[in-house]
């Protein structure tokens, strides 16, 4: 969701789990940031 994409990504990065990789569709502006 465009309005909470950054918050979701931050939460995923903080999960204390063995994540291999992540693939997201986001606003182009968010991807550029």
ModelCIF file with pLDDT and N, C-alpha, C, O atoms, coordinates in Angstrom:
data_MODEL
#
_entry.id   MODEL 
#
_entity.id                         1 
_entity.type                       polymer 
_entity.pdbx_number_of_molecules   1 
#
_entity_poly.entity_id                      1 
_entity_poly.type                           'polypeptide(L)' 
_entity_poly.nstd_linkage                   no 
_entity_poly.nstd_monomer                   no 
_entity_poly.pdbx_seq_one_letter_code       
;(UNK)(UNK)(UNK)(UNK)(UNK)(UNK)(UNK)(UNK)(UNK)(UNK)(UNK)(UNK)(UNK)(UNK)(UNK)(UNK)
(UNK)(UNK)(UNK)(UNK)(UNK)(UNK)(UNK)(UNK)(UNK)(UNK)(UNK)(UNK)(UNK)(UNK)(UNK)(UNK)
(UNK)
;
_entity_poly.pdbx_seq_one_letter_code_can   XXXXXXXXXXXXXXXXXXXXXXXXXXXXXXXXX 
_entity_poly.pdbx_strand_id                 A 
#
loop_
_entity_poly_seq.entity_id 
_entity_poly_seq.num 
_entity_poly_seq.mon_id 
_entity_poly_seq.hetero 
1 1  UNK n 
1 2  UNK n 
1 3  UNK n 
1 4  UNK n 
1 5  UNK n 
1 6  UNK n 
1 7  UNK n 
1 8  UNK n 
1 9  UNK n 
1 10 UNK n 
1 11 UNK n 
1 12 UNK n 
1 13 UNK n 
1 14 UNK n 
1 15 UNK n 
1 16 UNK n 
1 17 UNK n 
1 18 UNK n 
1 19 UNK n 
1 20 UNK n 
1 21 UNK n 
1 22 UNK n 
1 23 UNK n 
1 24 UNK n 
1 25 UNK n 
1 26 UNK n 
1 27 UNK n 
1 28 UNK n 
1 29 UNK n 
1 30 UNK n 
1 31 UNK n 
1 32 UNK n 
1 33 UNK n 
#
_struct_asym.id          A 
_struct_asym.entity_id   1 
#
loop_
_ma_qa_metric.id 
_ma_qa_metric.mode 
_ma_qa_metric.name 
_ma_qa_metric.software_group_id 
_ma_qa_metric.type 
1 global pLDDT . pLDDT 
2 local  pLDDT . pLDDT 
#
_ma_qa_metric_global.metric_id      1 
_ma_qa_metric_global.metric_value   95.03 
_ma_qa_metric_global.model_id       1 
_ma_qa_metric_global.ordinal_id     1 
#
loop_
_ma_qa_metric_local.label_asym_id 
_ma_qa_metric_local.label_comp_id 
_ma_qa_metric_local.label_seq_id 
_ma_qa_metric_local.metric_id 
_ma_qa_metric_local.metric_value 
_ma_qa_metric_local.model_id 
_ma_qa_metric_local.ordinal_id 
A UNK 1  2 88.00 1 1  
A UNK 2  2 84.00 1 2  
A UNK 3  2 86.00 1 3  
A UNK 4  2 92.00 1 4  
A UNK 5  2 95.00 1 5  
A UNK 6  2 96.00 1 6  
A UNK 7  2 96.00 1 7  
A UNK 8  2 97.00 1 8  
A UNK 9  2 97.00 1 9  
A UNK 10 2 96.00 1 10 
A UNK 11 2 96.00 1 11 
A UNK 12 2 97.00 1 12 
A UNK 13 2 95.00 1 13 
A UNK 14 2 94.00 1 14 
A UNK 15 2 94.00 1 15 
A UNK 16 2 91.00 1 16 
A UNK 17 2 95.00 1 17 
A UNK 18 2 95.00 1 18 
A UNK 19 2 97.00 1 19 
A UNK 20 2 97.00 1 20 
A UNK 21 2 98.00 1 21 
A UNK 22 2 98.00 1 22 
A UNK 23 2 98.00 1 23 
A UNK 24 2 98.00 1 24 
A UNK 25 2 95.00 1 25 
A UNK 26 2 96.00 1 26 
A UNK 27 2 95.00 1 27 
A UNK 28 2 96.00 1 28 
A UNK 29 2 96.00 1 29 
A UNK 30 2 97.00 1 30 
A UNK 31 2 97.00 1 31 
A UNK 32 2 97.00 1 32 
A UNK 33 2 97.00 1 33 
#
loop_
_atom_site.group_PDB 
_atom_site.id 
_atom_site.type_symbol 
_atom_site.label_atom_id 
_atom_site.label_alt_id 
_atom_site.label_comp_id 
_atom_site.label_asym_id 
_atom_site.label_entity_id 
_atom_site.label_seq_id 
_atom_site.pdbx_PDB_ins_code 
_atom_site.Cartn_x 
_atom_site.Cartn_y 
_atom_site.Cartn_z 
_atom_site.occupancy 
_atom_site.B_iso_or_equiv 
_atom_site.pdbx_formal_charge 
_atom_site.auth_seq_id 
_atom_site.auth_comp_id 
_atom_site.auth_asym_id 
_atom_site.auth_atom_id 
_atom_site.pdbx_PDB_model_num 
ATOM 1   N N  . UNK A 1 1  ? 0.849  -1.202  0.000  1.00 88.00 ? 1  UNK A N  1 
ATOM 2   C CA . UNK A 1 1  ? 0.000  0.000   0.000  1.00 88.00 ? 1  UNK A CA 1 
ATOM 3   C C  . UNK A 1 1  ? 0.880  1.247   0.000  1.00 88.00 ? 1  UNK A C  1 
ATOM 4   O O  . UNK A 1 1  ? 1.824  1.342   0.785  1.00 88.00 ? 1  UNK A O  1 
ATOM 5   N N  . UNK A 1 2  ? 0.579  2.186   -0.865 1.00 84.00 ? 2  UNK A N  1 
ATOM 6   C CA . UNK A 1 2  ? 1.439  3.356   -1.027 1.00 84.00 ? 2  UNK A CA 1 
ATOM 7   C C  . UNK A 1 2  ? 1.641  4.131   0.269  1.00 84.00 ? 2  UNK A C  1 
ATOM 8   O O  . UNK A 1 2  ? 2.734  4.634   0.533  1.00 84.00 ? 2  UNK A O  1 
ATOM 9   N N  . UNK A 1 3  ? 0.586  4.228   1.079  1.00 86.00 ? 3  UNK A N  1 
ATOM 10  C CA . UNK A 1 3  ? 0.657  5.118   2.244  1.00 86.00 ? 3  UNK A CA 1 
ATOM 11  C C  . UNK A 1 3  ? 1.452  4.560   3.414  1.00 86.00 ? 3  UNK A C  1 
ATOM 12  O O  . UNK A 1 3  ? 1.783  5.310   4.331  1.00 86.00 ? 3  UNK A O  1 
ATOM 13  N N  . UNK A 1 4  ? 1.770  3.264   3.415  1.00 92.00 ? 4  UNK A N  1 
ATOM 14  C CA . UNK A 1 4  ? 2.516  2.696   4.540  1.00 92.00 ? 4  UNK A CA 1 
ATOM 15  C C  . UNK A 1 4  ? 3.681  1.817   4.073  1.00 92.00 ? 4  UNK A C  1 
ATOM 16  O O  . UNK A 1 4  ? 4.181  0.995   4.840  1.00 92.00 ? 4  UNK A O  1 
ATOM 17  N N  . UNK A 1 5  ? 4.108  1.984   2.841  1.00 95.00 ? 5  UNK A N  1 
ATOM 18  C CA . UNK A 1 5  ? 5.163  1.126   2.291  1.00 95.00 ? 5  UNK A CA 1 
ATOM 19  C C  . UNK A 1 5  ? 6.450  1.216   3.105  1.00 95.00 ? 5  UNK A C  1 
ATOM 20  O O  . UNK A 1 5  ? 7.055  0.190   3.416  1.00 95.00 ? 5  UNK A O  1 
ATOM 21  N N  . UNK A 1 6  ? 6.875  2.423   3.452  1.00 96.00 ? 6  UNK A N  1 
ATOM 22  C CA . UNK A 1 6  ? 8.125  2.590   4.200  1.00 96.00 ? 6  UNK A CA 1 
ATOM 23  C C  . UNK A 1 6  ? 8.048  1.931   5.567  1.00 96.00 ? 6  UNK A C  1 
ATOM 24  O O  . UNK A 1 6  ? 9.002  1.292   6.010  1.00 96.00 ? 6  UNK A O  1 
ATOM 25  N N  . UNK A 1 7  ? 6.912  2.086   6.233  1.00 96.00 ? 7  UNK A N  1 
ATOM 26  C CA . UNK A 1 7  ? 6.739  1.483   7.556  1.00 96.00 ? 7  UNK A CA 1 
ATOM 27  C C  . UNK A 1 7  ? 6.773  -0.043  7.475  1.00 96.00 ? 7  UNK A C  1 
ATOM 28  O O  . UNK A 1 7  ? 7.340  -0.699  8.349  1.00 96.00 ? 7  UNK A O  1 
ATOM 29  N N  . UNK A 1 8  ? 6.165  -0.608  6.424  1.00 97.00 ? 8  UNK A N  1 
ATOM 30  C CA . UNK A 1 8  ? 6.177  -2.061  6.259  1.00 97.00 ? 8  UNK A CA 1 
ATOM 31  C C  . UNK A 1 8  ? 7.602  -2.558  6.026  1.00 97.00 ? 8  UNK A C  1 
ATOM 32  O O  . UNK A 1 8  ? 8.022  -3.548  6.624  1.00 97.00 ? 8  UNK A O  1 
ATOM 33  N N  . UNK A 1 9  ? 8.332  -1.880  5.170  1.00 97.00 ? 9  UNK A N  1 
ATOM 34  C CA . UNK A 1 9  ? 9.706  -2.294  4.873  1.00 97.00 ? 9  UNK A CA 1 
ATOM 35  C C  . UNK A 1 9  ? 10.565 -2.247  6.129  1.00 97.00 ? 9  UNK A C  1 
ATOM 36  O O  . UNK A 1 9  ? 11.348 -3.161  6.386  1.00 97.00 ? 9  UNK A O  1 
ATOM 37  N N  . UNK A 1 10 ? 10.418 -1.183  6.908  1.00 96.00 ? 10 UNK A N  1 
ATOM 38  C CA . UNK A 1 10 ? 11.185 -1.085  8.151  1.00 96.00 ? 10 UNK A CA 1 
ATOM 39  C C  . UNK A 1 10 ? 10.847 -2.236  9.097  1.00 96.00 ? 10 UNK A C  1 
ATOM 40  O O  . UNK A 1 10 ? 11.738 -2.808  9.726  1.00 96.00 ? 10 UNK A O  1 
ATOM 41  N N  . UNK A 1 11 ? 9.577  -2.569  9.198  1.00 96.00 ? 11 UNK A N  1 
ATOM 42  C CA . UNK A 1 11 ? 9.185  -3.677  10.083 1.00 96.00 ? 11 UNK A CA 1 
ATOM 43  C C  . UNK A 1 11 ? 9.808  -4.985  9.609  1.00 96.00 ? 11 UNK A C  1 
ATOM 44  O O  . UNK A 1 11 ? 10.303 -5.764  10.424 1.00 96.00 ? 11 UNK A O  1 
ATOM 45  N N  . UNK A 1 12 ? 9.788  -5.233  8.318  1.00 97.00 ? 12 UNK A N  1 
ATOM 46  C CA . UNK A 1 12 ? 10.362 -6.475  7.791  1.00 97.00 ? 12 UNK A CA 1 
ATOM 47  C C  . UNK A 1 12 ? 11.865 -6.552  8.057  1.00 97.00 ? 12 UNK A C  1 
ATOM 48  O O  . UNK A 1 12 ? 12.399 -7.620  8.358  1.00 97.00 ? 12 UNK A O  1 
ATOM 49  N N  . UNK A 1 13 ? 12.529 -5.422  7.944  1.00 95.00 ? 13 UNK A N  1 
ATOM 50  C CA . UNK A 1 13 ? 13.974 -5.397  8.174  1.00 95.00 ? 13 UNK A CA 1 
ATOM 51  C C  . UNK A 1 13 ? 14.325 -5.637  9.636  1.00 95.00 ? 13 UNK A C  1 
ATOM 52  O O  . UNK A 1 13 ? 15.458 -5.998  9.955  1.00 95.00 ? 13 UNK A O  1 
ATOM 53  N N  . UNK A 1 14 ? 13.357 -5.438  10.520 1.00 94.00 ? 14 UNK A N  1 
ATOM 54  C CA . UNK A 1 14 ? 13.609 -5.626  11.944 1.00 94.00 ? 14 UNK A CA 1 
ATOM 55  C C  . UNK A 1 14 ? 13.141 -6.977  12.471 1.00 94.00 ? 14 UNK A C  1 
ATOM 56  O O  . UNK A 1 14 ? 13.310 -7.276  13.653 1.00 94.00 ? 14 UNK A O  1 
ATOM 57  N N  . UNK A 1 15 ? 12.557 -7.790  11.605 1.00 94.00 ? 15 UNK A N  1 
ATOM 58  C CA . UNK A 1 15 ? 12.136 -9.116  12.053 1.00 94.00 ? 15 UNK A CA 1 
ATOM 59  C C  . UNK A 1 15 ? 13.368 -9.957  12.406 1.00 94.00 ? 15 UNK A C  1 
ATOM 60  O O  . UNK A 1 15 ? 14.303 -10.060 11.612 1.00 94.00 ? 15 UNK A O  1 
ATOM 61  N N  . UNK A 1 16 ? 13.361 -10.537 13.564 1.00 91.00 ? 16 UNK A N  1 
ATOM 62  C CA . UNK A 1 16 ? 14.489 -11.377 13.980 1.00 91.00 ? 16 UNK A CA 1 
ATOM 63  C C  . UNK A 1 16 ? 14.268 -12.796 13.452 1.00 91.00 ? 16 UNK A C  1 
ATOM 64  O O  . UNK A 1 16 ? 14.089 -13.751 14.208 1.00 91.00 ? 16 UNK A O  1 
ATOM 65  N N  . UNK A 1 17 ? 14.290 -12.889 12.130 1.00 95.00 ? 17 UNK A N  1 
ATOM 66  C CA . UNK A 1 17 ? 14.052 -14.151 11.446 1.00 95.00 ? 17 UNK A CA 1 
ATOM 67  C C  . UNK A 1 17 ? 15.039 -14.297 10.291 1.00 95.00 ? 17 UNK A C  1 
ATOM 68  O O  . UNK A 1 17 ? 15.549 -13.295 9.789  1.00 95.00 ? 17 UNK A O  1 
ATOM 69  N N  . UNK A 1 18 ? 15.316 -15.527 9.860  1.00 95.00 ? 18 UNK A N  1 
ATOM 70  C CA . UNK A 1 18 ? 16.299 -15.747 8.779  1.00 95.00 ? 18 UNK A CA 1 
ATOM 71  C C  . UNK A 1 18 ? 15.715 -15.475 7.399  1.00 95.00 ? 18 UNK A C  1 
ATOM 72  O O  . UNK A 1 18 ? 15.526 -16.399 6.609  1.00 95.00 ? 18 UNK A O  1 
ATOM 73  N N  . UNK A 1 19 ? 15.429 -14.215 7.111  1.00 97.00 ? 19 UNK A N  1 
ATOM 74  C CA . UNK A 1 19 ? 14.857 -13.842 5.817  1.00 97.00 ? 19 UNK A CA 1 
ATOM 75  C C  . UNK A 1 19 ? 15.945 -13.910 4.749  1.00 97.00 ? 19 UNK A C  1 
ATOM 76  O O  . UNK A 1 19 ? 17.027 -13.348 4.916  1.00 97.00 ? 19 UNK A O  1 
ATOM 77  N N  . UNK A 1 20 ? 15.649 -14.600 3.657  1.00 97.00 ? 20 UNK A N  1 
ATOM 78  C CA . UNK A 1 20 ? 16.603 -14.692 2.545  1.00 97.00 ? 20 UNK A CA 1 
ATOM 79  C C  . UNK A 1 20 ? 16.560 -13.448 1.686  1.00 97.00 ? 20 UNK A C  1 
ATOM 80  O O  . UNK A 1 20 ? 17.592 -12.834 1.417  1.00 97.00 ? 20 UNK A O  1 
ATOM 81  N N  . UNK A 1 21 ? 15.353 -13.071 1.252  1.00 98.00 ? 21 UNK A N  1 
ATOM 82  C CA . UNK A 1 21 ? 15.217 -11.884 0.417  1.00 98.00 ? 21 UNK A CA 1 
ATOM 83  C C  . UNK A 1 21 ? 13.779 -11.381 0.448  1.00 98.00 ? 21 UNK A C  1 
ATOM 84  O O  . UNK A 1 21 ? 12.879 -12.051 0.954  1.00 98.00 ? 21 UNK A O  1 
ATOM 85  N N  . UNK A 1 22 ? 13.583 -10.174 -0.112 1.00 98.00 ? 22 UNK A N  1 
ATOM 86  C CA . UNK A 1 22 ? 12.261 -9.551  -0.146 1.00 98.00 ? 22 UNK A CA 1 
ATOM 87  C C  . UNK A 1 22 ? 12.086 -8.880  -1.504 1.00 98.00 ? 22 UNK A C  1 
ATOM 88  O O  . UNK A 1 22 ? 13.039 -8.350  -2.076 1.00 98.00 ? 22 UNK A O  1 
ATOM 89  N N  . UNK A 1 23 ? 10.855 -8.910  -2.012 1.00 98.00 ? 23 UNK A N  1 
ATOM 90  C CA . UNK A 1 23 ? 10.534 -8.333  -3.307 1.00 98.00 ? 23 UNK A CA 1 
ATOM 91  C C  . UNK A 1 23 ? 9.257  -7.512  -3.174 1.00 98.00 ? 23 UNK A C  1 
ATOM 92  O O  . UNK A 1 23 ? 8.199  -8.052  -2.853 1.00 98.00 ? 23 UNK A O  1 
ATOM 93  N N  . UNK A 1 24 ? 9.354  -6.207  -3.420 1.00 98.00 ? 24 UNK A N  1 
ATOM 94  C CA . UNK A 1 24 ? 8.199  -5.347  -3.212 1.00 98.00 ? 24 UNK A CA 1 
ATOM 95  C C  . UNK A 1 24 ? 7.922  -4.465  -4.425 1.00 98.00 ? 24 UNK A C  1 
ATOM 96  O O  . UNK A 1 24 ? 8.832  -4.081  -5.160 1.00 98.00 ? 24 UNK A O  1 
ATOM 97  N N  . UNK A 1 25 ? 6.648  -4.159  -4.611 1.00 95.00 ? 25 UNK A N  1 
ATOM 98  C CA . UNK A 1 25 ? 6.214  -3.113  -5.535 1.00 95.00 ? 25 UNK A CA 1 
ATOM 99  C C  . UNK A 1 25 ? 5.907  -1.887  -4.688 1.00 95.00 ? 25 UNK A C  1 
ATOM 100 O O  . UNK A 1 25 ? 5.118  -1.958  -3.746 1.00 95.00 ? 25 UNK A O  1 
ATOM 101 N N  . UNK A 1 26 ? 6.533  -0.763  -5.026 1.00 96.00 ? 26 UNK A N  1 
ATOM 102 C CA . UNK A 1 26 ? 6.338  0.474   -4.268 1.00 96.00 ? 26 UNK A CA 1 
ATOM 103 C C  . UNK A 1 26 ? 6.242  1.642   -5.242 1.00 96.00 ? 26 UNK A C  1 
ATOM 104 O O  . UNK A 1 26 ? 6.474  1.483   -6.441 1.00 96.00 ? 26 UNK A O  1 
ATOM 105 N N  . UNK A 1 27 ? 5.903  2.805   -4.723 1.00 95.00 ? 27 UNK A N  1 
ATOM 106 C CA . UNK A 1 27 ? 5.979  4.009   -5.534 1.00 95.00 ? 27 UNK A CA 1 
ATOM 107 C C  . UNK A 1 27 ? 7.409  4.176   -6.040 1.00 95.00 ? 27 UNK A C  1 
ATOM 108 O O  . UNK A 1 27 ? 8.364  3.860   -5.330 1.00 95.00 ? 27 UNK A O  1 
ATOM 109 N N  . UNK A 1 28 ? 7.550  4.667   -7.255 1.00 96.00 ? 28 UNK A N  1 
ATOM 110 C CA . UNK A 1 28 ? 8.885  4.885   -7.812 1.00 96.00 ? 28 UNK A CA 1 
ATOM 111 C C  . UNK A 1 28 ? 9.708  5.799   -6.921 1.00 96.00 ? 28 UNK A C  1 
ATOM 112 O O  . UNK A 1 28 ? 10.909 5.594   -6.750 1.00 96.00 ? 28 UNK A O  1 
ATOM 113 N N  . UNK A 1 29 ? 9.063  6.803   -6.359 1.00 96.00 ? 29 UNK A N  1 
ATOM 114 C CA . UNK A 1 29 ? 9.765  7.735   -5.477 1.00 96.00 ? 29 UNK A CA 1 
ATOM 115 C C  . UNK A 1 29 ? 10.337 7.029   -4.256 1.00 96.00 ? 29 UNK A C  1 
ATOM 116 O O  . UNK A 1 29 ? 11.452 7.334   -3.833 1.00 96.00 ? 29 UNK A O  1 
ATOM 117 N N  . UNK A 1 30 ? 9.593  6.093   -3.685 1.00 97.00 ? 30 UNK A N  1 
ATOM 118 C CA . UNK A 1 30 ? 10.078 5.345   -2.523 1.00 97.00 ? 30 UNK A CA 1 
ATOM 119 C C  . UNK A 1 30 ? 11.265 4.473   -2.915 1.00 97.00 ? 30 UNK A C  1 
ATOM 120 O O  . UNK A 1 30 ? 12.250 4.394   -2.180 1.00 97.00 ? 30 UNK A O  1 
ATOM 121 N N  . UNK A 1 31 ? 11.176 3.822   -4.065 1.00 97.00 ? 31 UNK A N  1 
ATOM 122 C CA . UNK A 1 31 ? 12.289 3.007   -4.545 1.00 97.00 ? 31 UNK A CA 1 
ATOM 123 C C  . UNK A 1 31 ? 13.537 3.856   -4.739 1.00 97.00 ? 31 UNK A C  1 
ATOM 124 O O  . UNK A 1 31 ? 14.640 3.429   -4.398 1.00 97.00 ? 31 UNK A O  1 
ATOM 125 N N  . UNK A 1 32 ? 13.370 5.043   -5.280 1.00 97.00 ? 32 UNK A N  1 
ATOM 126 C CA . UNK A 1 32 ? 14.507 5.938   -5.498 1.00 97.00 ? 32 UNK A CA 1 
ATOM 127 C C  . UNK A 1 32 ? 15.124 6.378   -4.176 1.00 97.00 ? 32 UNK A C  1 
ATOM 128 O O  . UNK A 1 32 ? 16.342 6.518   -4.074 1.00 97.00 ? 32 UNK A O  1 
ATOM 129 N N  . UNK A 1 33 ? 14.291 6.596   -3.169 1.00 97.00 ? 33 UNK A N  1 
ATOM 130 C CA . UNK A 1 33 ? 14.816 6.979   -1.856 1.00 97.00 ? 33 UNK A CA 1 
ATOM 131 C C  . UNK A 1 33 ? 15.612 5.837   -1.234 1.00 97.00 ? 33 UNK A C  1 
ATOM 132 O O  . UNK A 1 33 ? 16.131 5.977   -0.126 1.00 97.00 ? 33 UNK A O  1 
#
